[in-house]
Amino acid sequence: MPLTFLVGVYGMNFKHMPELEYAYGYYIVIFVMIAIALAMVYYFKKKKWF
């Protein structure tokens, strides 16, 4: 669900998103998405859901 939210927000065509002006904004968002996915996998394995 967190990744779906991030993709949904970045998939919209906003004119004024501060992250779009940063040189490394795209890479930061991709890194955050990967970090969330890894954290979720770790959490699920710890709870023995995965």
PDB file of N, CA and C in Angstrom:
ATOM      1  N   MET A   1       0.801  -1.194   0.000  1.00  0.00           N
ATOM      2  CA  MET A   1       0.000   0.000   0.000  1.00  0.00           C
ATOM      3  C   MET A   1       0.856   1.277   0.000  1.00  0.00           C
ATOM      4  N   PRO A   2       1.949   1.349   0.760  1.00  0.00           N
ATOM      5  CA  PRO A   2       2.759   2.576   0.700  1.00  0.00           C
ATOM      6  C   PRO A   2       3.332   2.831  -0.691  1.00  0.00           C
ATOM      7  N   LEU A   3       3.771   1.780  -1.373  1.00  0.00           N
ATOM      8  CA  LEU A   3       4.320   1.976  -2.712  1.00  0.00           C
ATOM      9  C   LEU A   3       3.239   2.398  -3.694  1.00  0.00           C
ATOM     10  N   THR A   4       2.041   1.876  -3.542  1.00  0.00           N
ATOM     11  CA  THR A   4       0.937   2.273  -4.405  1.00  0.00           C
ATOM     12  C   THR A   4       0.630   3.753  -4.234  1.00  0.00           C
ATOM     13  N   PHE A   5       0.684   4.227  -3.006  1.00  0.00           N
ATOM     14  CA  PHE A   5       0.456   5.649  -2.744  1.00  0.00           C
ATOM     15  C   PHE A   5       1.513   6.513  -3.432  1.00  0.00           C
ATOM     16  N   LEU A   6       2.788   6.135  -3.274  1.00  0.00           N
ATOM     17  CA  LEU A   6       3.856   6.928  -3.893  1.00  0.00           C
ATOM     18  C   LEU A   6       3.738   6.939  -5.410  1.00  0.00           C
ATOM     19  N   VAL A   7       3.479   5.792  -5.998  1.00  0.00           N
ATOM     20  CA  VAL A   7       3.351   5.728  -7.452  1.00  0.00           C
ATOM     21  C   VAL A   7       2.136   6.523  -7.910  1.00  0.00           C
ATOM     22  N   GLY A   8       1.058   6.461  -7.146  1.00  0.00           N
ATOM     23  CA  GLY A   8      -0.136   7.225  -7.501  1.00  0.00           C
ATOM     24  C   GLY A   8       0.113   8.721  -7.479  1.00  0.00           C
ATOM     25  N   VAL A   9       0.827   9.196  -6.486  1.00  0.00           N
ATOM     26  CA  VAL A   9       1.116  10.629  -6.388  1.00  0.00           C
ATOM     27  C   VAL A   9       2.045  11.066  -7.518  1.00  0.00           C
ATOM     28  N   TYR A  10       3.082  10.287  -7.780  1.00  0.00           N
ATOM     29  CA  TYR A  10       4.025  10.677  -8.818  1.00  0.00           C
ATOM     30  C   TYR A  10       3.499  10.409 -10.220  1.00  0.00           C
ATOM     31  N   GLY A  11       2.445   9.617 -10.348  1.00  0.00           N
ATOM     32  CA  GLY A  11       1.861   9.365 -11.651  1.00  0.00           C
ATOM     33  C   GLY A  11       0.934  10.480 -12.107  1.00  0.00           C
ATOM     34  N   MET A  12       0.547  11.354 -11.185  1.00  0.00           N
ATOM     35  CA  MET A  12      -0.324  12.470 -11.546  1.00  0.00           C
ATOM     36  C   MET A  12       0.496  13.580 -12.196  1.00  0.00           C
ATOM     37  N   ASN A  13      -0.146  14.362 -13.013  1.00  0.00           N
ATOM     38  CA  ASN A  13       0.551  15.421 -13.735  1.00  0.00           C
ATOM     39  C   ASN A  13       0.403  16.754 -13.009  1.00  0.00           C
ATOM     40  N   PHE A  14       1.139  16.909 -11.923  1.00  0.00           N
ATOM     41  CA  PHE A  14       1.146  18.171 -11.204  1.00  0.00           C
ATOM     42  C   PHE A  14       2.155  19.106 -11.837  1.00  0.00           C
ATOM     43  N   LYS A  15       1.853  20.389 -11.830  1.00  0.00           N
ATOM     44  CA  LYS A  15       2.797  21.376 -12.358  1.00  0.00           C
ATOM     45  C   LYS A  15       3.814  21.787 -11.302  1.00  0.00           C
ATOM     46  N   HIS A  16       3.397  21.839 -10.053  1.00  0.00           N
ATOM     47  CA  HIS A  16       4.248  22.368  -8.997  1.00  0.00           C
ATOM     48  C   HIS A  16       4.584  21.290  -7.971  1.00  0.00           C
ATOM     49  N   MET A  17       5.553  20.480  -8.291  1.00  0.00           N
ATOM     50  CA  MET A  17       6.065  19.490  -7.339  1.00  0.00           C
ATOM     51  C   MET A  17       7.524  19.838  -7.096  1.00  0.00           C
ATOM     52  N   PRO A  18       7.898  20.141  -5.863  1.00  0.00           N
ATOM     53  CA  PRO A  18       9.270  20.560  -5.597  1.00  0.00           C
ATOM     54  C   PRO A  18      10.305  19.521  -6.010  1.00  0.00           C
ATOM     55  N   GLU A  19       9.942  18.257  -5.939  1.00  0.00           N
ATOM     56  CA  GLU A  19      10.907  17.205  -6.265  1.00  0.00           C
ATOM     57  C   GLU A  19      11.307  17.216  -7.734  1.00  0.00           C
ATOM     58  N   LEU A  20      10.459  17.791  -8.590  1.00  0.00           N
ATOM     59  CA  LEU A  20      10.762  17.801 -10.015  1.00  0.00           C
ATOM     60  C   LEU A  20      11.885  18.771 -10.363  1.00  0.00           C
ATOM     61  N   GLU A  21      12.143  19.720  -9.503  1.00  0.00           N
ATOM     62  CA  GLU A  21      13.188  20.708  -9.762  1.00  0.00           C
ATOM     63  C   GLU A  21      14.571  20.242  -9.313  1.00  0.00           C
ATOM     64  N   TYR A  22      14.623  19.209  -8.465  1.00  0.00           N
ATOM     65  CA  TYR A  22      15.916  18.716  -7.974  1.00  0.00           C
ATOM     66  C   TYR A  22      16.597  17.877  -9.045  1.00  0.00           C
ATOM     67  N   ALA A  23      17.916  17.994  -9.109  1.00  0.00           N
ATOM     68  CA  ALA A  23      18.667  17.226 -10.098  1.00  0.00           C
ATOM     69  C   ALA A  23      18.565  15.728  -9.823  1.00  0.00           C
ATOM     70  N   TYR A  24      18.533  15.342  -8.560  1.00  0.00           N
ATOM     71  CA  TYR A  24      18.505  13.926  -8.199  1.00  0.00           C
ATOM     72  C   TYR A  24      17.164  13.514  -7.601  1.00  0.00           C
ATOM     73  N   GLY A  25      16.115  14.292  -7.827  1.00  0.00           N
ATOM     74  CA  GLY A  25      14.803  14.002  -7.261  1.00  0.00           C
ATOM     75  C   GLY A  25      14.257  12.648  -7.680  1.00  0.00           C
ATOM     76  N   TYR A  26      14.418  12.308  -8.951  1.00  0.00           N
ATOM     77  CA  TYR A  26      13.934  11.023  -9.459  1.00  0.00           C
ATOM     78  C   TYR A  26      14.636   9.866  -8.757  1.00  0.00           C
ATOM     79  N   TYR A  27      15.946   9.973  -8.611  1.00  0.00           N
ATOM     80  CA  TYR A  27      16.720   8.898  -7.989  1.00  0.00           C
ATOM     81  C   TYR A  27      16.400   8.771  -6.502  1.00  0.00           C
ATOM     82  N   ILE A  28      16.129   9.874  -5.866  1.00  0.00           N
ATOM     83  CA  ILE A  28      15.766   9.840  -4.446  1.00  0.00           C
ATOM     84  C   ILE A  28      14.442   9.107  -4.265  1.00  0.00           C
ATOM     85  N   VAL A  29      13.471   9.387  -5.125  1.00  0.00           N
ATOM     86  CA  VAL A  29      12.163   8.735  -5.021  1.00  0.00           C
ATOM     87  C   VAL A  29      12.297   7.239  -5.299  1.00  0.00           C
ATOM     88  N   ILE A  30      13.074   6.856  -6.298  1.00  0.00           N
ATOM     89  CA  ILE A  30      13.283   5.437  -6.589  1.00  0.00           C
ATOM     90  C   ILE A  30      13.952   4.750  -5.401  1.00  0.00           C
ATOM     91  N   PHE A  31      14.947   5.409  -4.798  1.00  0.00           N
ATOM     92  CA  PHE A  31      15.618   4.839  -3.633  1.00  0.00           C
ATOM     93  C   PHE A  31      14.647   4.662  -2.469  1.00  0.00           C
ATOM     94  N   VAL A  32      13.797   5.641  -2.242  1.00  0.00           N
ATOM     95  CA  VAL A  32      12.807   5.551  -1.158  1.00  0.00           C
ATOM     96  C   VAL A  32      11.848   4.394  -1.417  1.00  0.00           C
ATOM     97  N   MET A  33      11.420   4.221  -2.656  1.00  0.00           N
ATOM     98  CA  MET A  33      10.522   3.113  -2.985  1.00  0.00           C
ATOM     99  C   MET A  33      11.188   1.763  -2.749  1.00  0.00           C
ATOM    100  N   ILE A  34      12.440   1.627  -3.133  1.00  0.00           N
ATOM    101  CA  ILE A  34      13.169   0.373  -2.904  1.00  0.00           C
ATOM    102  C   ILE A  34      13.346   0.133  -1.412  1.00  0.00           C
ATOM    103  N   ALA A  35      13.652   1.184  -0.663  1.00  0.00           N
ATOM    104  CA  ALA A  35      13.826   1.051   0.785  1.00  0.00           C
ATOM    105  C   ALA A  35      12.527   0.612   1.458  1.00  0.00           C
ATOM    106  N   ILE A  36      11.400   1.167   1.023  1.00  0.00           N
ATOM    107  CA  ILE A  36      10.107   0.769   1.588  1.00  0.00           C
ATOM    108  C   ILE A  36       9.820  -0.691   1.264  1.00  0.00           C
ATOM    109  N   ALA A  37      10.072  -1.103   0.039  1.00  0.00           N
ATOM    110  CA  ALA A  37       9.829  -2.493  -0.352  1.00  0.00           C
ATOM    111  C   ALA A  37      10.696  -3.448   0.467  1.00  0.00           C
ATOM    112  N   LEU A  38      11.954  -3.118   0.651  1.00  0.00           N
ATOM    113  CA  LEU A  38      12.843  -3.974   1.448  1.00  0.00           C
ATOM    114  C   LEU A  38      12.428  -4.009   2.912  1.00  0.00           C
ATOM    115  N   ALA A  39      12.006  -2.874   3.432  1.00  0.00           N
ATOM    116  CA  ALA A  39      11.537  -2.831   4.820  1.00  0.00           C
ATOM    117  C   ALA A  39      10.288  -3.681   4.998  1.00  0.00           C
ATOM    118  N   MET A  40       9.392  -3.652   4.003  1.00  0.00           N
ATOM    119  CA  MET A  40       8.179  -4.467   4.088  1.00  0.00           C
ATOM    120  C   MET A  40       8.505  -5.950   4.021  1.00  0.00           C
ATOM    121  N   VAL A  41       9.430  -6.342   3.156  1.00  0.00           N
ATOM    122  CA  VAL A  41       9.841  -7.750   3.074  1.00  0.00           C
ATOM    123  C   VAL A  41      10.456  -8.189   4.394  1.00  0.00           C
ATOM    124  N   TYR A  42      11.306  -7.370   4.969  1.00  0.00           N
ATOM    125  CA  TYR A  42      11.916  -7.690   6.260  1.00  0.00           C
ATOM    126  C   TYR A  42      10.850  -7.849   7.339  1.00  0.00           C
ATOM    127  N   TYR A  43       9.905  -6.925   7.375  1.00  0.00           N
ATOM    128  CA  TYR A  43       8.843  -6.974   8.377  1.00  0.00           C
ATOM    129  C   TYR A  43       8.000  -8.238   8.214  1.00  0.00           C
ATOM    130  N   PHE A  44       7.636  -8.557   6.966  1.00  0.00           N
ATOM    131  CA  PHE A  44       6.816  -9.743   6.723  1.00  0.00           C
ATOM    132  C   PHE A  44       7.551 -11.021   7.088  1.00  0.00           C
ATOM    133  N   LYS A  45       8.839 -11.083   6.793  1.00  0.00           N
ATOM    134  CA  LYS A  45       9.608 -12.265   7.160  1.00  0.00           C
ATOM    135  C   LYS A  45       9.743 -12.387   8.668  1.00  0.00           C
ATOM    136  N   LYS A  46       9.895 -11.276   9.345  1.00  0.00           N
ATOM    137  CA  LYS A  46      10.003 -11.282  10.807  1.00  0.00           C
ATOM    138  C   LYS A  46       8.706 -11.781  11.446  1.00  0.00           C
ATOM    139  N   LYS A  47       7.559 -11.406  10.857  1.00  0.00           N
ATOM    140  CA  LYS A  47       6.259 -11.839  11.375  1.00  0.00           C
ATOM    141  C   LYS A  47       5.843 -13.200  10.828  1.00  0.00           C
ATOM    142  N   LYS A  48       6.700 -13.790   9.978  1.00  0.00           N
ATOM    143  CA  LYS A  48       6.455 -15.092   9.336  1.00  0.00           C
ATOM    144  C   LYS A  48       5.190 -15.083   8.466  1.00  0.00           C
ATOM    145  N   TRP A  49       4.977 -13.975   7.782  1.00  0.00           N
ATOM    146  CA  TRP A  49       3.878 -13.856   6.828  1.00  0.00           C
ATOM    147  C   TRP A  49       4.352 -14.139   5.414  1.00  0.00           C
ATOM    148  N   PHE A  50       5.649 -14.182   5.231  1.00  0.00           N
ATOM    149  CA  PHE A  50       6.221 -14.283   3.878  1.00  0.00           C
ATOM    150  C   PHE A  50       7.141 -15.467   3.812  1.00  0.00           C
TER     151      PHE A  50
END
